[in-house]
PDB file of N, CA and C in Angstrom:
ATOM      1  N   UNK A   1       0.851  -1.184   0.000  1.00  0.00           N
ATOM      2  CA  UNK A   1       0.000   0.000   0.000  1.00  0.00           C
ATOM      3  C   UNK A   1       0.894   1.242   0.000  1.00  0.00           C
ATOM      4  N   UNK A   2       0.605   2.174  -0.865  1.00  0.00           N
ATOM      5  CA  UNK A   2       1.396   3.389  -1.004  1.00  0.00           C
ATOM      6  C   UNK A   2       0.824   4.494  -0.116  1.00  0.00           C
ATOM      7  N   UNK A   3       1.617   4.946   0.853  1.00  0.00           N
ATOM      8  CA  UNK A   3       1.148   5.973   1.770  1.00  0.00           C
ATOM      9  C   UNK A   3       1.639   7.350   1.318  1.00  0.00           C
ATOM     10  N   UNK A   4       0.777   8.316   1.410  1.00  0.00           N
ATOM     11  CA  UNK A   4       1.094   9.679   1.055  1.00  0.00           C
ATOM     12  C   UNK A   4       1.932  10.304   2.169  1.00  0.00           C
ATOM     13  N   UNK A   5       2.896  11.118   1.795  1.00  0.00           N
ATOM     14  CA  UNK A   5       3.685  11.831   2.801  1.00  0.00           C
ATOM     15  C   UNK A   5       2.894  13.035   3.298  1.00  0.00           C
ATOM     16  N   UNK A   6       3.324  13.571   4.430  1.00  0.00           N
ATOM     17  CA  UNK A   6       2.649  14.764   4.954  1.00  0.00           C
ATOM     18  C   UNK A   6       2.671  15.919   3.956  1.00  0.00           C
ATOM     19  N   UNK A   7       3.831  16.264   3.360  1.00  0.00           N
ATOM     20  CA  UNK A   7       3.816  17.363   2.386  1.00  0.00           C
ATOM     21  C   UNK A   7       2.872  17.105   1.206  1.00  0.00           C
ATOM     22  N   UNK A   8       2.847  15.872   0.706  1.00  0.00           N
ATOM     23  CA  UNK A   8       1.935  15.536  -0.393  1.00  0.00           C
ATOM     24  C   UNK A   8       0.478  15.696   0.041  1.00  0.00           C
ATOM     25  N   UNK A   9       0.186  15.270   1.252  1.00  0.00           N
ATOM     26  CA  UNK A   9      -1.182  15.361   1.761  1.00  0.00           C
ATOM     27  C   UNK A   9      -1.591  16.824   1.949  1.00  0.00           C
ATOM     28  N   UNK A  10      -0.664  17.629   2.447  1.00  0.00           N
ATOM     29  CA  UNK A  10      -0.943  19.049   2.641  1.00  0.00           C
ATOM     30  C   UNK A  10      -1.298  19.718   1.310  1.00  0.00           C
ATOM     31  N   UNK A  11      -0.533  19.421   0.284  1.00  0.00           N
ATOM     32  CA  UNK A  11      -0.800  19.962  -1.050  1.00  0.00           C
ATOM     33  C   UNK A  11      -2.152  19.482  -1.563  1.00  0.00           C
ATOM     34  N   UNK A  12      -2.413  18.189  -1.425  1.00  0.00           N
ATOM     35  CA  UNK A  12      -3.683  17.618  -1.898  1.00  0.00           C
ATOM     36  C   UNK A  12      -4.876  18.274  -1.198  1.00  0.00           C
ATOM     37  N   UNK A  13      -4.791  18.418   0.109  1.00  0.00           N
ATOM     38  CA  UNK A  13      -5.888  19.048   0.858  1.00  0.00           C
ATOM     39  C   UNK A  13      -6.129  20.479   0.403  1.00  0.00           C
ATOM     40  N   UNK A  14      -5.050  21.219   0.220  1.00  0.00           N
ATOM     41  CA  UNK A  14      -5.179  22.621  -0.189  1.00  0.00           C
ATOM     42  C   UNK A  14      -5.835  22.725  -1.562  1.00  0.00           C
ATOM     43  N   UNK A  15      -5.383  21.893  -2.504  1.00  0.00           N
ATOM     44  CA  UNK A  15      -5.944  21.934  -3.855  1.00  0.00           C
ATOM     45  C   UNK A  15      -7.397  21.480  -3.876  1.00  0.00           C
ATOM     46  N   UNK A  16      -7.719  20.437  -3.110  1.00  0.00           N
ATOM     47  CA  UNK A  16      -9.109  19.951  -3.048  1.00  0.00           C
ATOM     48  C   UNK A  16     -10.052  21.002  -2.488  1.00  0.00           C
ATOM     49  N   UNK A  17      -9.521  21.893  -1.658  1.00  0.00           N
ATOM     50  CA  UNK A  17     -10.342  22.937  -1.051  1.00  0.00           C
ATOM     51  C   UNK A  17     -10.215  24.273  -1.772  1.00  0.00           C
ATOM     52  N   UNK A  18      -9.572  24.249  -2.939  1.00  0.00           N
ATOM     53  CA  UNK A  18      -9.418  25.444  -3.773  1.00  0.00           C
ATOM     54  C   UNK A  18      -8.856  26.633  -3.003  1.00  0.00           C
ATOM     55  N   UNK A  19      -7.815  26.362  -2.225  1.00  0.00           N
ATOM     56  CA  UNK A  19      -7.172  27.412  -1.445  1.00  0.00           C
ATOM     57  C   UNK A  19      -5.789  27.708  -2.011  1.00  0.00           C
ATOM     58  N   UNK A  20      -5.390  28.963  -1.923  1.00  0.00           N
ATOM     59  CA  UNK A  20      -4.025  29.324  -2.305  1.00  0.00           C
ATOM     60  C   UNK A  20      -3.106  29.088  -1.108  1.00  0.00           C
ATOM     61  N   UNK A  21      -1.820  28.994  -1.375  1.00  0.00           N
ATOM     62  CA  UNK A  21      -0.859  28.873  -0.283  1.00  0.00           C
ATOM     63  C   UNK A  21      -0.977  30.084   0.637  1.00  0.00           C
ATOM     64  N   UNK A  22      -1.152  31.264   0.055  1.00  0.00           N
ATOM     65  CA  UNK A  22      -1.269  32.489   0.852  1.00  0.00           C
ATOM     66  C   UNK A  22      -2.493  32.443   1.759  1.00  0.00           C
ATOM     67  N   UNK A  23      -3.617  31.937   1.236  1.00  0.00           N
ATOM     68  CA  UNK A  23      -4.843  31.862   2.037  1.00  0.00           C
ATOM     69  C   UNK A  23      -4.655  30.952   3.256  1.00  0.00           C
ATOM     70  N   UNK A  24      -4.000  29.818   3.055  1.00  0.00           N
ATOM     71  CA  UNK A  24      -3.760  28.905   4.177  1.00  0.00           C
ATOM     72  C   UNK A  24      -2.802  29.545   5.174  1.00  0.00           C
ATOM     73  N   UNK A  25      -1.726  30.126   4.669  1.00  0.00           N
ATOM     74  CA  UNK A  25      -0.748  30.782   5.544  1.00  0.00           C
ATOM     75  C   UNK A  25      -1.414  31.869   6.377  1.00  0.00           C
ATOM     76  N   UNK A  26      -2.246  32.689   5.738  1.00  0.00           N
ATOM     77  CA  UNK A  26      -2.950  33.759   6.455  1.00  0.00           C
ATOM     78  C   UNK A  26      -3.884  33.190   7.519  1.00  0.00           C
ATOM     79  N   UNK A  27      -4.586  32.131   7.166  1.00  0.00           N
ATOM     80  CA  UNK A  27      -5.568  31.529   8.086  1.00  0.00           C
ATOM     81  C   UNK A  27      -4.901  30.994   9.356  1.00  0.00           C
ATOM     82  N   UNK A  28      -3.695  30.451   9.216  1.00  0.00           N
ATOM     83  CA  UNK A  28      -3.025  29.885  10.388  1.00  0.00           C
ATOM     84  C   UNK A  28      -1.983  30.819  10.986  1.00  0.00           C
ATOM     85  N   UNK A  29      -1.829  32.006  10.402  1.00  0.00           N
ATOM     86  CA  UNK A  29      -0.981  33.033  10.990  1.00  0.00           C
ATOM     87  C   UNK A  29       0.519  32.813  10.823  1.00  0.00           C
ATOM     88  N   UNK A  30       0.908  32.308   9.651  1.00  0.00           N
ATOM     89  CA  UNK A  30       2.334  32.136   9.378  1.00  0.00           C
ATOM     90  C   UNK A  30       2.691  32.817   8.060  1.00  0.00           C
ATOM     91  N   UNK A  31       3.973  32.963   7.815  1.00  0.00           N
ATOM     92  CA  UNK A  31       4.438  33.564   6.560  1.00  0.00           C
ATOM     93  C   UNK A  31       4.222  32.593   5.403  1.00  0.00           C
ATOM     94  N   UNK A  32       3.974  33.143   4.232  1.00  0.00           N
ATOM     95  CA  UNK A  32       3.793  32.330   3.030  1.00  0.00           C
ATOM     96  C   UNK A  32       4.990  31.401   2.824  1.00  0.00           C
ATOM     97  N   UNK A  33       6.209  31.927   2.932  1.00  0.00           N
ATOM     98  CA  UNK A  33       7.407  31.116   2.702  1.00  0.00           C
ATOM     99  C   UNK A  33       7.457  29.927   3.669  1.00  0.00           C
ATOM    100  N   UNK A  34       7.062  30.139   4.903  1.00  0.00           N
ATOM    101  CA  UNK A  34       7.048  29.056   5.889  1.00  0.00           C
ATOM    102  C   UNK A  34       6.090  27.959   5.445  1.00  0.00           C
ATOM    103  N   UNK A  35       4.900  28.357   5.008  1.00  0.00           N
ATOM    104  CA  UNK A  35       3.942  27.361   4.521  1.00  0.00           C
ATOM    105  C   UNK A  35       4.500  26.610   3.311  1.00  0.00           C
ATOM    106  N   UNK A  36       5.140  27.340   2.415  1.00  0.00           N
ATOM    107  CA  UNK A  36       5.722  26.702   1.226  1.00  0.00           C
ATOM    108  C   UNK A  36       6.760  25.658   1.628  1.00  0.00           C
ATOM    109  N   UNK A  37       7.525  25.924   2.654  1.00  0.00           N
ATOM    110  CA  UNK A  37       8.500  24.946   3.151  1.00  0.00           C
ATOM    111  C   UNK A  37       7.796  23.672   3.608  1.00  0.00           C
ATOM    112  N   UNK A  38       6.630  23.802   4.236  1.00  0.00           N
ATOM    113  CA  UNK A  38       5.885  22.634   4.691  1.00  0.00           C
ATOM    114  C   UNK A  38       5.448  21.775   3.504  1.00  0.00           C
ATOM    115  N   UNK A  39       4.918  22.405   2.461  1.00  0.00           N
ATOM    116  CA  UNK A  39       4.458  21.651   1.288  1.00  0.00           C
ATOM    117  C   UNK A  39       5.622  21.008   0.538  1.00  0.00           C
ATOM    118  N   UNK A  40       6.785  21.590   0.620  1.00  0.00           N
ATOM    119  CA  UNK A  40       7.964  21.030  -0.058  1.00  0.00           C
ATOM    120  C   UNK A  40       8.699  20.004   0.806  1.00  0.00           C
ATOM    121  N   UNK A  41       8.284  19.877   2.066  1.00  0.00           N
ATOM    122  CA  UNK A  41       8.950  18.951   2.960  1.00  0.00           C
ATOM    123  C   UNK A  41      10.289  19.455   3.466  1.00  0.00           C
ATOM    124  N   UNK A  42      10.507  20.769   3.387  1.00  0.00           N
ATOM    125  CA  UNK A  42      11.776  21.353   3.820  1.00  0.00           C
ATOM    126  C   UNK A  42      11.771  21.725   5.303  1.00  0.00           C
ATOM    127  N   UNK A  43      10.589  21.820   5.882  1.00  0.00           N
ATOM    128  CA  UNK A  43      10.430  22.089   7.313  1.00  0.00           C
ATOM    129  C   UNK A  43       9.212  21.347   7.807  1.00  0.00           C
ATOM    130  N   UNK A  44       9.175  21.102   9.111  1.00  0.00           N
ATOM    131  CA  UNK A  44       8.007  20.478   9.724  1.00  0.00           C
ATOM    132  C   UNK A  44       7.351  21.475  10.667  1.00  0.00           C
ATOM    133  N   UNK A  45       6.020  21.560  10.608  1.00  0.00           N
ATOM    134  CA  UNK A  45       5.319  22.527  11.462  1.00  0.00           C
ATOM    135  C   UNK A  45       5.335  22.145  12.937  1.00  0.00           C
ATOM    136  N   UNK A  46       5.242  23.171  13.769  1.00  0.00           N
ATOM    137  CA  UNK A  46       5.105  22.964  15.208  1.00  0.00           C
ATOM    138  C   UNK A  46       3.692  22.435  15.488  1.00  0.00           C
ATOM    139  N   UNK A  47       3.509  21.902  16.680  1.00  0.00           N
ATOM    140  CA  UNK A  47       2.219  21.320  17.052  1.00  0.00           C
ATOM    141  C   UNK A  47       1.079  22.330  16.918  1.00  0.00           C
ATOM    142  N   UNK A  48       1.279  23.556  17.346  1.00  0.00           N
ATOM    143  CA  UNK A  48       0.206  24.555  17.250  1.00  0.00           C
ATOM    144  C   UNK A  48      -0.197  24.785  15.791  1.00  0.00           C
ATOM    145  N   UNK A  49       0.765  24.734  14.897  1.00  0.00           N
ATOM    146  CA  UNK A  49       0.474  24.897  13.472  1.00  0.00           C
ATOM    147  C   UNK A  49      -0.254  23.681  12.929  1.00  0.00           C
ATOM    148  N   UNK A  50       0.150  22.500  13.345  1.00  0.00           N
ATOM    149  CA  UNK A  50      -0.544  21.283  12.921  1.00  0.00           C
ATOM    150  C   UNK A  50      -2.000  21.309  13.363  1.00  0.00           C
ATOM    151  N   UNK A  51      -2.235  21.748  14.583  1.00  0.00           N
ATOM    152  CA  UNK A  51      -3.612  21.840  15.093  1.00  0.00           C
ATOM    153  C   UNK A  51      -4.424  22.814  14.247  1.00  0.00           C
ATOM    154  N   UNK A  52      -3.839  23.955  13.915  1.00  0.00           N
ATOM    155  CA  UNK A  52      -4.541  24.946  13.084  1.00  0.00           C
ATOM    156  C   UNK A  52      -4.853  24.370  11.700  1.00  0.00           C
ATOM    157  N   UNK A  53      -3.912  23.651  11.123  1.00  0.00           N
ATOM    158  CA  UNK A  53      -4.149  23.025   9.814  1.00  0.00           C
ATOM    159  C   UNK A  53      -5.241  21.962   9.910  1.00  0.00           C
ATOM    160  N   UNK A  54      -5.214  21.156  10.951  1.00  0.00           N
ATOM    161  CA  UNK A  54      -6.246  20.134  11.136  1.00  0.00           C
ATOM    162  C   UNK A  54      -7.622  20.783  11.267  1.00  0.00           C
ATOM    163  N   UNK A  55      -7.676  21.916  11.953  1.00  0.00           N
ATOM    164  CA  UNK A  55      -8.952  22.628  12.111  1.00  0.00           C
ATOM    165  C   UNK A  55      -9.465  23.147  10.766  1.00  0.00           C
ATOM    166  N   UNK A  56      -8.586  23.675   9.944  1.00  0.00           N
ATOM    167  CA  UNK A  56      -8.995  24.190   8.631  1.00  0.00           C
ATOM    168  C   UNK A  56      -9.672  23.091   7.814  1.00  0.00           C
ATOM    169  N   UNK A  57      -9.073  21.916   7.827  1.00  0.00           N
ATOM    170  CA  UNK A  57      -9.559  20.824   6.988  1.00  0.00           C
ATOM    171  C   UNK A  57     -10.487  19.858   7.726  1.00  0.00           C
ATOM    172  N   UNK A  58     -10.816  20.185   8.979  1.00  0.00           N
ATOM    173  CA  UNK A  58     -11.713  19.362   9.791  1.00  0.00           C
ATOM    174  C   UNK A  58     -11.239  17.907   9.855  1.00  0.00           C
ATOM    175  N   UNK A  59      -9.958  17.750  10.210  1.00  0.00           N
ATOM    176  CA  UNK A  59      -9.345  16.435  10.330  1.00  0.00           C
ATOM    177  C   UNK A  59      -8.748  16.265  11.722  1.00  0.00           C
ATOM    178  N   UNK A  60      -8.553  15.016  12.124  1.00  0.00           N
ATOM    179  CA  UNK A  60      -7.784  14.768  13.338  1.00  0.00           C
ATOM    180  C   UNK A  60      -6.309  14.975  12.993  1.00  0.00           C
ATOM    181  N   UNK A  61      -5.478  15.115  14.007  1.00  0.00           N
ATOM    182  CA  UNK A  61      -4.039  15.247  13.754  1.00  0.00           C
ATOM    183  C   UNK A  61      -3.500  14.002  13.063  1.00  0.00           C
ATOM    184  N   UNK A  62      -3.947  12.827  13.474  1.00  0.00           N
ATOM    185  CA  UNK A  62      -3.503  11.594  12.814  1.00  0.00           C
ATOM    186  C   UNK A  62      -3.849  11.600  11.326  1.00  0.00           C
ATOM    187  N   UNK A  63      -5.070  11.994  11.007  1.00  0.00           N
ATOM    188  CA  UNK A  63      -5.475  12.049   9.599  1.00  0.00           C
ATOM    189  C   UNK A  63      -4.633  13.068   8.833  1.00  0.00           C
ATOM    190  N   UNK A  64      -4.390  14.205   9.448  1.00  0.00           N
ATOM    191  CA  UNK A  64      -3.625  15.256   8.784  1.00  0.00           C
ATOM    192  C   UNK A  64      -2.220  14.796   8.426  1.00  0.00           C
ATOM    193  N   UNK A  65      -1.561  14.099   9.340  1.00  0.00           N
ATOM    194  CA  UNK A  65      -0.173  13.698   9.114  1.00  0.00           C
ATOM    195  C   UNK A  65      -0.056  12.285   8.527  1.00  0.00           C
ATOM    196  N   UNK A  66      -1.173  11.744   8.050  1.00  0.00           N
ATOM    197  CA  UNK A  66      -1.194  10.428   7.375  1.00  0.00           C
ATOM    198  C   UNK A  66      -0.726   9.315   8.308  1.00  0.00           C
ATOM    199  N   UNK A  67      -1.117   9.388   9.538  1.00  0.00           N
ATOM    200  CA  UNK A  67      -0.705   8.383  10.515  1.00  0.00           C
ATOM    201  C   UNK A  67      -1.841   7.396  10.758  1.00  0.00           C
ATOM    202  N   UNK A  68      -1.492   6.127  10.696  1.00  0.00           N
ATOM    203  CA  UNK A  68      -2.455   5.088  11.076  1.00  0.00           C
ATOM    204  C   UNK A  68      -1.736   4.105  11.987  1.00  0.00           C
ATOM    205  N   UNK A  69      -2.472   3.451  12.822  1.00  0.00           N
ATOM    206  CA  UNK A  69      -1.883   2.500  13.772  1.00  0.00           C
ATOM    207  C   UNK A  69      -1.840   1.126  13.158  1.00  0.00           C
TER     208      UNK A  69
END
């Protein structure tokens, strides 16, 4: 089974919701460049940022980061 990475999932969620990178960055209170790093897998968000992203997409943290037990 092929699992999606967090950066891939972040991009997919944003595109499915017709949001720009700037719109997501503004919604969670971070710089555009910082958000771009997350989608490229160059940085990992802090827990508070992950929670904000999960809230935007109405997902649990596990769902957001593609984690299953």
